[in-house]
mmCIF file of all heavy atoms, coordinates in Angstrom:
data_MODEL
# 
_entry.id   MODEL 
# 
loop_
_atom_site.group_PDB 
_atom_site.id 
_atom_site.type_symbol 
_atom_site.label_atom_id 
_atom_site.label_alt_id 
_atom_site.label_comp_id 
_atom_site.label_asym_id 
_atom_site.label_entity_id 
_atom_site.label_seq_id 
_atom_site.pdbx_PDB_ins_code 
_atom_site.Cartn_x 
_atom_site.Cartn_y 
_atom_site.Cartn_z 
_atom_site.occupancy 
_atom_site.B_iso_or_equiv 
_atom_site.pdbx_formal_charge 
_atom_site.auth_seq_id 
_atom_site.auth_comp_id 
_atom_site.auth_asym_id 
_atom_site.auth_atom_id 
_atom_site.pdbx_PDB_model_num 
ATOM 1   N N   . HIS A 1 1  ? 84.057 -39.741 74.125 1.00 0.00 ? 1  HIS A N   1 
ATOM 2   C CA  . HIS A 1 1  ? 85.028 -40.473 74.921 1.00 0.00 ? 1  HIS A CA  1 
ATOM 3   C C   . HIS A 1 1  ? 84.515 -42.016 75.088 1.00 0.00 ? 1  HIS A C   1 
ATOM 4   O O   . HIS A 1 1  ? 83.390 -42.136 75.555 1.00 0.00 ? 1  HIS A O   1 
ATOM 5   C CB  . HIS A 1 1  ? 85.232 -39.851 76.392 1.00 0.00 ? 1  HIS A CB  1 
ATOM 6   C CG  . HIS A 1 1  ? 86.412 -40.429 77.094 1.00 0.00 ? 1  HIS A CG  1 
ATOM 7   N ND1 . HIS A 1 1  ? 87.601 -39.755 77.008 1.00 0.00 ? 1  HIS A ND1 1 
ATOM 8   C CD2 . HIS A 1 1  ? 86.460 -41.405 77.971 1.00 0.00 ? 1  HIS A CD2 1 
ATOM 9   C CE1 . HIS A 1 1  ? 88.444 -40.387 77.732 1.00 0.00 ? 1  HIS A CE1 1 
ATOM 10  N NE2 . HIS A 1 1  ? 87.818 -41.389 78.351 1.00 0.00 ? 1  HIS A NE2 1 
ATOM 11  N N   . LEU A 1 2  ? 85.372 -42.925 74.814 1.00 0.00 ? 2  LEU A N   1 
ATOM 12  C CA  . LEU A 1 2  ? 85.068 -44.323 74.895 1.00 0.00 ? 2  LEU A CA  1 
ATOM 13  C C   . LEU A 1 2  ? 85.522 -44.845 76.209 1.00 0.00 ? 2  LEU A C   1 
ATOM 14  O O   . LEU A 1 2  ? 86.707 -44.606 76.691 1.00 0.00 ? 2  LEU A O   1 
ATOM 15  C CB  . LEU A 1 2  ? 85.636 -45.045 73.780 1.00 0.00 ? 2  LEU A CB  1 
ATOM 16  C CG  . LEU A 1 2  ? 85.141 -44.705 72.406 1.00 0.00 ? 2  LEU A CG  1 
ATOM 17  C CD1 . LEU A 1 2  ? 85.931 -45.412 71.340 1.00 0.00 ? 2  LEU A CD1 1 
ATOM 18  C CD2 . LEU A 1 2  ? 83.637 -45.190 72.256 1.00 0.00 ? 2  LEU A CD2 1 
ATOM 19  N N   . ILE A 1 3  ? 84.732 -45.644 76.959 1.00 0.00 ? 3  ILE A N   1 
ATOM 20  C CA  . ILE A 1 3  ? 85.149 -46.254 78.228 1.00 0.00 ? 3  ILE A CA  1 
ATOM 21  C C   . ILE A 1 3  ? 85.013 -47.774 78.093 1.00 0.00 ? 3  ILE A C   1 
ATOM 22  O O   . ILE A 1 3  ? 83.928 -48.242 77.791 1.00 0.00 ? 3  ILE A O   1 
ATOM 23  C CB  . ILE A 1 3  ? 84.260 -45.681 79.295 1.00 0.00 ? 3  ILE A CB  1 
ATOM 24  C CG1 . ILE A 1 3  ? 84.326 -44.261 79.413 1.00 0.00 ? 3  ILE A CG1 1 
ATOM 25  C CG2 . ILE A 1 3  ? 84.608 -46.356 80.623 1.00 0.00 ? 3  ILE A CG2 1 
ATOM 26  C CD1 . ILE A 1 3  ? 83.261 -43.600 80.112 1.00 0.00 ? 3  ILE A CD1 1 
ATOM 27  N N   . ALA A 1 4  ? 85.987 -48.487 78.306 1.00 0.00 ? 4  ALA A N   1 
ATOM 28  C CA  . ALA A 1 4  ? 86.001 -49.939 78.232 1.00 0.00 ? 4  ALA A CA  1 
ATOM 29  C C   . ALA A 1 4  ? 86.187 -50.504 79.665 1.00 0.00 ? 4  ALA A C   1 
ATOM 30  O O   . ALA A 1 4  ? 87.147 -50.199 80.343 1.00 0.00 ? 4  ALA A O   1 
ATOM 31  C CB  . ALA A 1 4  ? 87.094 -50.529 77.391 1.00 0.00 ? 4  ALA A CB  1 
ATOM 32  N N   . THR A 1 5  ? 85.112 -51.138 80.213 1.00 0.00 ? 5  THR A N   1 
ATOM 33  C CA  . THR A 1 5  ? 85.250 -51.802 81.445 1.00 0.00 ? 5  THR A CA  1 
ATOM 34  C C   . THR A 1 5  ? 85.645 -53.355 81.236 1.00 0.00 ? 5  THR A C   1 
ATOM 35  O O   . THR A 1 5  ? 85.938 -53.628 80.077 1.00 0.00 ? 5  THR A O   1 
ATOM 36  C CB  . THR A 1 5  ? 83.925 -51.748 82.270 1.00 0.00 ? 5  THR A CB  1 
ATOM 37  O OG1 . THR A 1 5  ? 82.995 -52.631 81.639 1.00 0.00 ? 5  THR A OG1 1 
ATOM 38  C CG2 . THR A 1 5  ? 83.362 -50.282 82.237 1.00 0.00 ? 5  THR A CG2 1 
ATOM 39  N N   . LYS A 1 6  ? 85.709 -54.030 82.314 1.00 0.00 ? 6  LYS A N   1 
ATOM 40  C CA  . LYS A 1 6  ? 86.055 -55.482 81.999 1.00 0.00 ? 6  LYS A CA  1 
ATOM 41  C C   . LYS A 1 6  ? 85.100 -56.213 81.089 1.00 0.00 ? 6  LYS A C   1 
ATOM 42  O O   . LYS A 1 6  ? 85.501 -56.977 80.413 1.00 0.00 ? 6  LYS A O   1 
ATOM 43  C CB  . LYS A 1 6  ? 86.174 -56.115 83.442 1.00 0.00 ? 6  LYS A CB  1 
ATOM 44  C CG  . LYS A 1 6  ? 86.488 -57.655 83.358 1.00 0.00 ? 6  LYS A CG  1 
ATOM 45  C CD  . LYS A 1 6  ? 86.581 -58.212 84.712 1.00 0.00 ? 6  LYS A CD  1 
ATOM 46  C CE  . LYS A 1 6  ? 87.062 -59.669 84.712 1.00 0.00 ? 6  LYS A CE  1 
ATOM 47  N NZ  . LYS A 1 6  ? 87.165 -60.334 86.010 1.00 0.00 ? 6  LYS A NZ  1 
ATOM 48  N N   . LYS A 1 7  ? 83.788 -55.760 81.302 1.00 0.00 ? 7  LYS A N   1 
ATOM 49  C CA  . LYS A 1 7  ? 82.748 -56.523 80.518 1.00 0.00 ? 7  LYS A CA  1 
ATOM 50  C C   . LYS A 1 7  ? 82.130 -55.721 79.298 1.00 0.00 ? 7  LYS A C   1 
ATOM 51  O O   . LYS A 1 7  ? 81.631 -56.333 78.355 1.00 0.00 ? 7  LYS A O   1 
ATOM 52  C CB  . LYS A 1 7  ? 81.684 -56.900 81.479 1.00 0.00 ? 7  LYS A CB  1 
ATOM 53  C CG  . LYS A 1 7  ? 82.133 -58.000 82.492 1.00 0.00 ? 7  LYS A CG  1 
ATOM 54  C CD  . LYS A 1 7  ? 80.942 -58.306 83.387 1.00 0.00 ? 7  LYS A CD  1 
ATOM 55  C CE  . LYS A 1 7  ? 81.248 -59.248 84.515 1.00 0.00 ? 7  LYS A CE  1 
ATOM 56  N NZ  . LYS A 1 7  ? 80.161 -59.576 85.406 1.00 0.00 ? 7  LYS A NZ  1 
ATOM 57  N N   . TYR A 1 8  ? 82.059 -54.361 79.376 1.00 0.00 ? 8  TYR A N   1 
ATOM 58  C CA  . TYR A 1 8  ? 81.248 -53.611 78.602 1.00 0.00 ? 8  TYR A CA  1 
ATOM 59  C C   . TYR A 1 8  ? 82.035 -52.362 78.006 1.00 0.00 ? 8  TYR A C   1 
ATOM 60  O O   . TYR A 1 8  ? 83.090 -51.976 78.531 1.00 0.00 ? 8  TYR A O   1 
ATOM 61  C CB  . TYR A 1 8  ? 80.001 -53.177 79.263 1.00 0.00 ? 8  TYR A CB  1 
ATOM 62  C CG  . TYR A 1 8  ? 79.373 -54.204 80.020 1.00 0.00 ? 8  TYR A CG  1 
ATOM 63  C CD1 . TYR A 1 8  ? 79.204 -54.186 81.412 1.00 0.00 ? 8  TYR A CD1 1 
ATOM 64  C CD2 . TYR A 1 8  ? 78.745 -55.341 79.281 1.00 0.00 ? 8  TYR A CD2 1 
ATOM 65  C CE1 . TYR A 1 8  ? 78.566 -55.251 82.041 1.00 0.00 ? 8  TYR A CE1 1 
ATOM 66  C CE2 . TYR A 1 8  ? 78.108 -56.338 80.009 1.00 0.00 ? 8  TYR A CE2 1 
ATOM 67  C CZ  . TYR A 1 8  ? 78.037 -56.361 81.354 1.00 0.00 ? 8  TYR A CZ  1 
ATOM 68  O OH  . TYR A 1 8  ? 77.359 -57.293 82.062 1.00 0.00 ? 8  TYR A OH  1 
ATOM 69  N N   . VAL A 1 9  ? 81.499 -51.813 76.889 1.00 0.00 ? 9  VAL A N   1 
ATOM 70  C CA  . VAL A 1 9  ? 82.076 -50.649 76.327 1.00 0.00 ? 9  VAL A CA  1 
ATOM 71  C C   . VAL A 1 9  ? 80.912 -49.637 76.240 1.00 0.00 ? 9  VAL A C   1 
ATOM 72  O O   . VAL A 1 9  ? 79.795 -49.973 75.669 1.00 0.00 ? 9  VAL A O   1 
ATOM 73  C CB  . VAL A 1 9  ? 82.676 -50.954 74.905 1.00 0.00 ? 9  VAL A CB  1 
ATOM 74  C CG1 . VAL A 1 9  ? 83.201 -49.635 74.335 1.00 0.00 ? 9  VAL A CG1 1 
ATOM 75  C CG2 . VAL A 1 9  ? 83.746 -51.943 75.008 1.00 0.00 ? 9  VAL A CG2 1 
ATOM 76  N N   . TYR A 1 10 ? 81.188 -48.407 76.605 1.00 0.00 ? 10 TYR A N   1 
ATOM 77  C CA  . TYR A 1 10 ? 80.328 -47.303 76.540 1.00 0.00 ? 10 TYR A CA  1 
ATOM 78  C C   . TYR A 1 10 ? 80.941 -46.145 75.896 1.00 0.00 ? 10 TYR A C   1 
ATOM 79  O O   . TYR A 1 10 ? 82.172 -46.037 75.708 1.00 0.00 ? 10 TYR A O   1 
ATOM 80  C CB  . TYR A 1 10 ? 79.919 -46.819 77.939 1.00 0.00 ? 10 TYR A CB  1 
ATOM 81  C CG  . TYR A 1 10 ? 79.297 -47.927 78.816 1.00 0.00 ? 10 TYR A CG  1 
ATOM 82  C CD1 . TYR A 1 10 ? 80.112 -48.661 79.611 1.00 0.00 ? 10 TYR A CD1 1 
ATOM 83  C CD2 . TYR A 1 10 ? 77.975 -48.054 78.956 1.00 0.00 ? 10 TYR A CD2 1 
ATOM 84  C CE1 . TYR A 1 10 ? 79.635 -49.683 80.480 1.00 0.00 ? 10 TYR A CE1 1 
ATOM 85  C CE2 . TYR A 1 10 ? 77.368 -49.043 79.742 1.00 0.00 ? 10 TYR A CE2 1 
ATOM 86  C CZ  . TYR A 1 10 ? 78.212 -49.849 80.538 1.00 0.00 ? 10 TYR A CZ  1 
ATOM 87  O OH  . TYR A 1 10 ? 77.695 -50.767 81.398 1.00 0.00 ? 10 TYR A OH  1 
ATOM 88  N N   . LYS A 1 11 ? 80.099 -45.244 75.358 1.00 0.00 ? 11 LYS A N   1 
ATOM 89  C CA  . LYS A 1 11 ? 80.550 -44.029 74.693 1.00 0.00 ? 11 LYS A CA  1 
ATOM 90  C C   . LYS A 1 11 ? 79.817 -42.758 75.235 1.00 0.00 ? 11 LYS A C   1 
ATOM 91  O O   . LYS A 1 11 ? 78.513 -42.730 75.250 1.00 0.00 ? 11 LYS A O   1 
ATOM 92  C CB  . LYS A 1 11 ? 80.315 -44.100 73.128 1.00 0.00 ? 11 LYS A CB  1 
ATOM 93  C CG  . LYS A 1 11 ? 80.853 -42.868 72.357 1.00 0.00 ? 11 LYS A CG  1 
ATOM 94  C CD  . LYS A 1 11 ? 80.601 -43.098 70.971 1.00 0.00 ? 11 LYS A CD  1 
ATOM 95  C CE  . LYS A 1 11 ? 81.081 -41.933 70.107 1.00 0.00 ? 11 LYS A CE  1 
ATOM 96  N NZ  . LYS A 1 11 ? 80.736 -42.020 68.673 1.00 0.00 ? 11 LYS A NZ  1 
ATOM 97  N N   . VAL A 1 12 ? 80.581 -41.849 75.702 1.00 0.00 ? 12 VAL A N   1 
ATOM 98  C CA  . VAL A 1 12 ? 80.051 -40.609 76.133 1.00 0.00 ? 12 VAL A CA  1 
ATOM 99  C C   . VAL A 1 12 ? 80.080 -39.600 74.939 1.00 0.00 ? 12 VAL A C   1 
ATOM 100 O O   . VAL A 1 12 ? 81.189 -39.223 74.564 1.00 0.00 ? 12 VAL A O   1 
ATOM 101 C CB  . VAL A 1 12 ? 80.804 -40.036 77.356 1.00 0.00 ? 12 VAL A CB  1 
ATOM 102 C CG1 . VAL A 1 12 ? 80.059 -38.691 77.749 1.00 0.00 ? 12 VAL A CG1 1 
ATOM 103 C CG2 . VAL A 1 12 ? 80.904 -41.050 78.456 1.00 0.00 ? 12 VAL A CG2 1 
ATOM 104 N N   . GLU A 1 13 ? 78.898 -39.084 74.577 1.00 0.00 ? 13 GLU A N   1 
ATOM 105 C CA  . GLU A 1 13 ? 78.911 -38.215 73.393 1.00 0.00 ? 13 GLU A CA  1 
ATOM 106 C C   . GLU A 1 13 ? 79.187 -36.789 73.879 1.00 0.00 ? 13 GLU A C   1 
ATOM 107 O O   . GLU A 1 13 ? 79.296 -36.562 75.080 1.00 0.00 ? 13 GLU A O   1 
ATOM 108 C CB  . GLU A 1 13 ? 77.514 -38.212 72.772 1.00 0.00 ? 13 GLU A CB  1 
ATOM 109 C CG  . GLU A 1 13 ? 77.000 -39.615 72.377 1.00 0.00 ? 13 GLU A CG  1 
ATOM 110 C CD  . GLU A 1 13 ? 77.691 -40.150 71.139 1.00 0.00 ? 13 GLU A CD  1 
ATOM 111 O OE1 . GLU A 1 13 ? 78.576 -39.369 70.595 1.00 0.00 ? 13 GLU A OE1 1 
ATOM 112 O OE2 . GLU A 1 13 ? 77.562 -41.233 70.755 1.00 0.00 ? 13 GLU A OE2 1 
ATOM 113 N N   . VAL A 1 14 ? 79.400 -35.871 72.971 1.00 0.00 ? 14 VAL A N   1 
ATOM 114 C CA  . VAL A 1 14 ? 79.961 -34.551 73.336 1.00 0.00 ? 14 VAL A CA  1 
ATOM 115 C C   . VAL A 1 14 ? 78.860 -33.679 74.065 1.00 0.00 ? 14 VAL A C   1 
ATOM 116 O O   . VAL A 1 14 ? 79.273 -32.763 74.814 1.00 0.00 ? 14 VAL A O   1 
ATOM 117 C CB  . VAL A 1 14 ? 80.275 -33.747 72.128 1.00 0.00 ? 14 VAL A CB  1 
ATOM 118 C CG1 . VAL A 1 14 ? 81.552 -34.301 71.443 1.00 0.00 ? 14 VAL A CG1 1 
ATOM 119 C CG2 . VAL A 1 14 ? 79.170 -33.632 71.113 1.00 0.00 ? 14 VAL A CG2 1 
ATOM 120 N N   . ASP A 1 15 ? 77.634 -34.134 74.094 1.00 0.00 ? 15 ASP A N   1 
ATOM 121 C CA  . ASP A 1 15 ? 76.530 -33.541 74.934 1.00 0.00 ? 15 ASP A CA  1 
ATOM 122 C C   . ASP A 1 15 ? 76.373 -34.145 76.265 1.00 0.00 ? 15 ASP A C   1 
ATOM 123 O O   . ASP A 1 15 ? 75.498 -33.756 77.088 1.00 0.00 ? 15 ASP A O   1 
ATOM 124 C CB  . ASP A 1 15 ? 75.191 -33.455 74.230 1.00 0.00 ? 15 ASP A CB  1 
ATOM 125 C CG  . ASP A 1 15 ? 74.614 -34.805 73.938 1.00 0.00 ? 15 ASP A CG  1 
ATOM 126 O OD1 . ASP A 1 15 ? 75.200 -35.849 74.255 1.00 0.00 ? 15 ASP A OD1 1 
ATOM 127 O OD2 . ASP A 1 15 ? 73.461 -34.825 73.511 1.00 0.00 ? 15 ASP A OD2 1 
ATOM 128 N N   . GLY A 1 16 ? 77.237 -35.221 76.523 1.00 0.00 ? 16 GLY A N   1 
ATOM 129 C CA  . GLY A 1 16 ? 77.071 -35.909 77.842 1.00 0.00 ? 16 GLY A CA  1 
ATOM 130 C C   . GLY A 1 16 ? 76.242 -37.206 77.830 1.00 0.00 ? 16 GLY A C   1 
ATOM 131 O O   . GLY A 1 16 ? 76.246 -37.930 78.822 1.00 0.00 ? 16 GLY A O   1 
ATOM 132 N N   . THR A 1 17 ? 75.527 -37.410 76.761 1.00 0.00 ? 17 THR A N   1 
ATOM 133 C CA  . THR A 1 17 ? 74.670 -38.578 76.629 1.00 0.00 ? 17 THR A CA  1 
ATOM 134 C C   . THR A 1 17 ? 75.577 -39.880 76.562 1.00 0.00 ? 17 THR A C   1 
ATOM 135 O O   . THR A 1 17 ? 76.652 -39.816 75.898 1.00 0.00 ? 17 THR A O   1 
ATOM 136 C CB  . THR A 1 17 ? 73.857 -38.561 75.393 1.00 0.00 ? 17 THR A CB  1 
ATOM 137 O OG1 . THR A 1 17 ? 72.939 -37.438 75.392 1.00 0.00 ? 17 THR A OG1 1 
ATOM 138 C CG2 . THR A 1 17 ? 72.953 -39.802 75.231 1.00 0.00 ? 17 THR A CG2 1 
ATOM 139 N N   . ILE A 1 18 ? 75.204 -40.954 77.309 1.00 0.00 ? 18 ILE A N   1 
ATOM 140 C CA  . ILE A 1 18 ? 76.055 -42.113 77.350 1.00 0.00 ? 18 ILE A CA  1 
ATOM 141 C C   . ILE A 1 18 ? 75.329 -43.230 76.589 1.00 0.00 ? 18 ILE A C   1 
ATOM 142 O O   . ILE A 1 18 ? 74.079 -43.505 76.847 1.00 0.00 ? 18 ILE A O   1 
ATOM 143 C CB  . ILE A 1 18 ? 76.254 -42.589 78.775 1.00 0.00 ? 18 ILE A CB  1 
ATOM 144 C CG1 . ILE A 1 18 ? 76.863 -41.446 79.588 1.00 0.00 ? 18 ILE A CG1 1 
ATOM 145 C CG2 . ILE A 1 18 ? 77.201 -43.819 78.775 1.00 0.00 ? 18 ILE A CG2 1 
ATOM 146 C CD1 . ILE A 1 18 ? 76.989 -41.874 81.061 1.00 0.00 ? 18 ILE A CD1 1 
ATOM 147 N N   . ASN A 1 19 ? 76.027 -43.854 75.646 1.00 0.00 ? 19 ASN A N   1 
ATOM 148 C CA  . ASN A 1 19 ? 75.498 -45.008 74.913 1.00 0.00 ? 19 ASN A CA  1 
ATOM 149 C C   . ASN A 1 19 ? 76.318 -46.243 75.245 1.00 0.00 ? 19 ASN A C   1 
ATOM 150 O O   . ASN A 1 19 ? 77.468 -46.241 75.293 1.00 0.00 ? 19 ASN A O   1 
ATOM 151 C CB  . ASN A 1 19 ? 75.511 -44.671 73.419 1.00 0.00 ? 19 ASN A CB  1 
ATOM 152 C CG  . ASN A 1 19 ? 74.626 -43.527 72.941 1.00 0.00 ? 19 ASN A CG  1 
ATOM 153 O OD1 . ASN A 1 19 ? 73.326 -43.462 73.401 1.00 0.00 ? 19 ASN A OD1 1 
ATOM 154 N ND2 . ASN A 1 19 ? 75.012 -42.690 72.224 1.00 0.00 ? 19 ASN A ND2 1 
ATOM 155 N N   . TYR A 1 20 ? 75.447 -47.287 75.330 1.00 0.00 ? 20 TYR A N   1 
ATOM 156 C CA  . TYR A 1 20 ? 76.083 -48.559 75.569 1.00 0.00 ? 20 TYR A CA  1 
ATOM 157 C C   . TYR A 1 20 ? 76.405 -49.198 74.246 1.00 0.00 ? 20 TYR A C   1 
ATOM 158 O O   . TYR A 1 20 ? 75.471 -49.292 73.390 1.00 0.00 ? 20 TYR A O   1 
ATOM 159 C CB  . TYR A 1 20 ? 75.159 -49.515 76.322 1.00 0.00 ? 20 TYR A CB  1 
ATOM 160 C CG  . TYR A 1 20 ? 75.582 -50.951 76.357 1.00 0.00 ? 20 TYR A CG  1 
ATOM 161 C CD1 . TYR A 1 20 ? 76.742 -51.329 77.017 1.00 0.00 ? 20 TYR A CD1 1 
ATOM 162 C CD2 . TYR A 1 20 ? 74.714 -51.980 75.857 1.00 0.00 ? 20 TYR A CD2 1 
ATOM 163 C CE1 . TYR A 1 20 ? 77.167 -52.718 76.989 1.00 0.00 ? 20 TYR A CE1 1 
ATOM 164 C CE2 . TYR A 1 20 ? 75.159 -53.294 75.879 1.00 0.00 ? 20 TYR A CE2 1 
ATOM 165 C CZ  . TYR A 1 20 ? 76.334 -53.679 76.368 1.00 0.00 ? 20 TYR A CZ  1 
ATOM 166 O OH  . TYR A 1 20 ? 76.658 -55.054 76.355 1.00 0.00 ? 20 TYR A OH  1 
ATOM 167 N N   . LEU A 1 21 ? 77.647 -49.522 73.992 1.00 0.00 ? 21 LEU A N   1 
ATOM 168 C CA  . LEU A 1 21 ? 78.040 -50.033 72.563 1.00 0.00 ? 21 LEU A CA  1 
ATOM 169 C C   . LEU A 1 21 ? 77.971 -51.600 72.472 1.00 0.00 ? 21 LEU A C   1 
ATOM 170 O O   . LEU A 1 21 ? 77.841 -52.146 71.425 1.00 0.00 ? 21 LEU A O   1 
ATOM 171 C CB  . LEU A 1 21 ? 79.466 -49.590 72.262 1.00 0.00 ? 21 LEU A CB  1 
ATOM 172 C CG  . LEU A 1 21 ? 79.602 -48.040 72.213 1.00 0.00 ? 21 LEU A CG  1 
ATOM 173 C CD1 . LEU A 1 21 ? 80.939 -47.689 71.731 1.00 0.00 ? 21 LEU A CD1 1 
ATOM 174 C CD2 . LEU A 1 21 ? 78.527 -47.399 71.278 1.00 0.00 ? 21 LEU A CD2 1 
ATOM 175 N N   . GLY A 1 22 ? 78.256 -52.284 73.621 1.00 0.00 ? 22 GLY A N   1 
ATOM 176 C CA  . GLY A 1 22 ? 78.273 -53.758 73.549 1.00 0.00 ? 22 GLY A CA  1 
ATOM 177 C C   . GLY A 1 22 ? 79.192 -54.341 74.542 1.00 0.00 ? 22 GLY A C   1 
ATOM 178 O O   . GLY A 1 22 ? 79.856 -53.684 75.375 1.00 0.00 ? 22 GLY A O   1 
ATOM 179 N N   . GLU A 1 23 ? 79.315 -55.703 74.469 1.00 0.00 ? 23 GLU A N   1 
ATOM 180 C CA  . GLU A 1 23 ? 80.287 -56.441 75.314 1.00 0.00 ? 23 GLU A CA  1 
ATOM 181 C C   . GLU A 1 23 ? 81.708 -56.208 74.954 1.00 0.00 ? 23 GLU A C   1 
ATOM 182 O O   . GLU A 1 23 ? 82.039 -56.137 73.695 1.00 0.00 ? 23 GLU A O   1 
ATOM 183 C CB  . GLU A 1 23 ? 79.945 -57.870 75.277 1.00 0.00 ? 23 GLU A CB  1 
ATOM 184 C CG  . GLU A 1 23 ? 78.544 -58.193 75.863 1.00 0.00 ? 23 GLU A CG  1 
ATOM 185 C CD  . GLU A 1 23 ? 78.281 -59.735 75.834 1.00 0.00 ? 23 GLU A CD  1 
ATOM 186 O OE1 . GLU A 1 23 ? 79.124 -60.493 75.317 1.00 0.00 ? 23 GLU A OE1 1 
ATOM 187 O OE2 . GLU A 1 23 ? 77.176 -60.044 76.248 1.00 0.00 ? 23 GLU A OE2 1 
ATOM 188 N N   . ALA A 1 24 ? 82.601 -56.034 75.879 1.00 0.00 ? 24 ALA A N   1 
ATOM 189 C CA  . ALA A 1 24 ? 84.055 -55.672 75.578 1.00 0.00 ? 24 ALA A CA  1 
ATOM 190 C C   . ALA A 1 24 ? 84.680 -56.834 74.913 1.00 0.00 ? 24 ALA A C   1 
ATOM 191 O O   . ALA A 1 24 ? 85.479 -56.652 73.900 1.00 0.00 ? 24 ALA A O   1 
ATOM 192 C CB  . ALA A 1 24 ? 84.768 -55.450 76.921 1.00 0.00 ? 24 ALA A CB  1 
# 
């Protein structure tokens, strides 16, 4: 699942690990 905030984008992997992808 990808989450875009006002400033940043994150990805929640299927095991629950969260990775920061970069600036939105």
